[in-house]
């Protein structure tokens, strides 16, 4: 399942860091951040709860870029 989330990030480099952090999160099959559209598209591994996975994605993104936001 793929879902799109609104994000708030200041620069393209920060968006790349968020994308990398999201991809490393357990339960994420793939993740793409579009800086221009301020969106993150996440594809989840079958059998994982998207809400729980996105909480972890948010935490991981905050670790690499503390002033970013992922709106779940």
Protein backbone atom coordinates (compact mmCIF):
# COMPACT_ATOMS: atom_id res chain seq x y z
CA UNK A 1 0.00 0.00 0.00
CA UNK A 2 1.25 3.50 -0.90
CA UNK A 3 0.29 6.66 0.93
CA UNK A 4 1.18 10.31 0.47
CA UNK A 5 1.99 12.62 3.39
CA UNK A 6 2.47 16.38 3.57
CA UNK A 7 5.85 17.43 4.90
CA UNK A 8 7.46 20.66 6.00
CA UNK A 9 11.16 20.96 5.22
CA UNK A 10 13.39 23.95 4.45
CA UNK A 11 15.86 22.69 1.84
CA UNK A 12 16.42 19.96 -0.74
CA UNK A 13 19.36 18.50 1.20
CA UNK A 14 17.16 18.12 4.28
CA UNK A 15 14.50 16.46 2.13
CA UNK A 16 17.12 13.94 0.94
CA UNK A 17 18.03 13.19 4.56
CA UNK A 18 14.36 12.64 5.40
CA UNK A 19 13.97 10.30 2.44
CA UNK A 20 17.00 8.24 3.51
CA UNK A 21 15.74 8.07 7.11
CA UNK A 22 12.29 6.95 5.96
CA UNK A 23 13.75 4.23 3.72
CA UNK A 24 15.69 2.77 6.67
CA UNK A 25 12.57 2.49 8.84
CA UNK A 26 11.26 -1.01 9.47
CA UNK A 27 8.00 -1.58 7.61
CA UNK A 28 8.85 0.81 4.76
CA UNK A 29 9.25 -0.83 1.36
CA UNK A 30 10.10 2.44 -0.40
CA UNK A 31 9.96 6.15 0.27
CA UNK A 32 10.27 9.17 -1.99
CA UNK A 33 10.34 12.82 -0.96
CA UNK A 34 9.36 15.50 -3.45
CA UNK A 35 10.83 18.74 -2.11
CA UNK A 36 9.03 20.99 -4.60
CA UNK A 37 5.61 19.53 -3.75
CA UNK A 38 6.45 19.07 -0.04
CA UNK A 39 5.22 15.48 -0.12
CA UNK A 40 6.52 12.12 1.01
CA UNK A 41 5.20 9.01 -0.70
CA UNK A 42 5.66 5.87 1.36
CA UNK A 43 5.03 2.28 0.29
CA UNK A 44 4.58 -0.07 3.22
CA UNK A 45 5.67 -3.68 3.64
CA UNK A 46 2.67 -6.03 3.62
CA UNK A 47 1.39 -6.79 7.11
CA UNK A 48 2.72 -3.63 8.80
CA UNK A 49 0.40 -1.01 10.27
CA UNK A 50 0.92 2.24 8.31
CA UNK A 51 0.10 4.46 11.32
CA UNK A 52 2.66 2.73 13.55
CA UNK A 53 5.28 2.73 10.80
CA UNK A 54 4.73 6.44 10.14
CA UNK A 55 5.26 7.24 13.82
CA UNK A 56 8.70 5.61 13.49
CA UNK A 57 9.35 7.41 10.19
CA UNK A 58 8.56 10.72 11.90
CA UNK A 59 10.96 9.91 14.77
CA UNK A 60 13.73 8.89 12.37
CA UNK A 61 13.26 12.03 10.27
CA UNK A 62 13.44 14.22 13.40
CA UNK A 63 16.76 12.57 14.29
CA UNK A 64 18.39 13.64 11.03
CA UNK A 65 16.62 16.99 10.65
CA UNK A 66 15.02 18.27 13.85
CA UNK A 67 13.10 21.17 12.29
CA UNK A 68 11.28 19.04 9.69
CA UNK A 69 7.72 17.78 10.05
CA UNK A 70 5.75 14.87 8.62
CA UNK A 71 1.98 15.34 8.90
CA UNK A 72 0.38 12.00 9.60
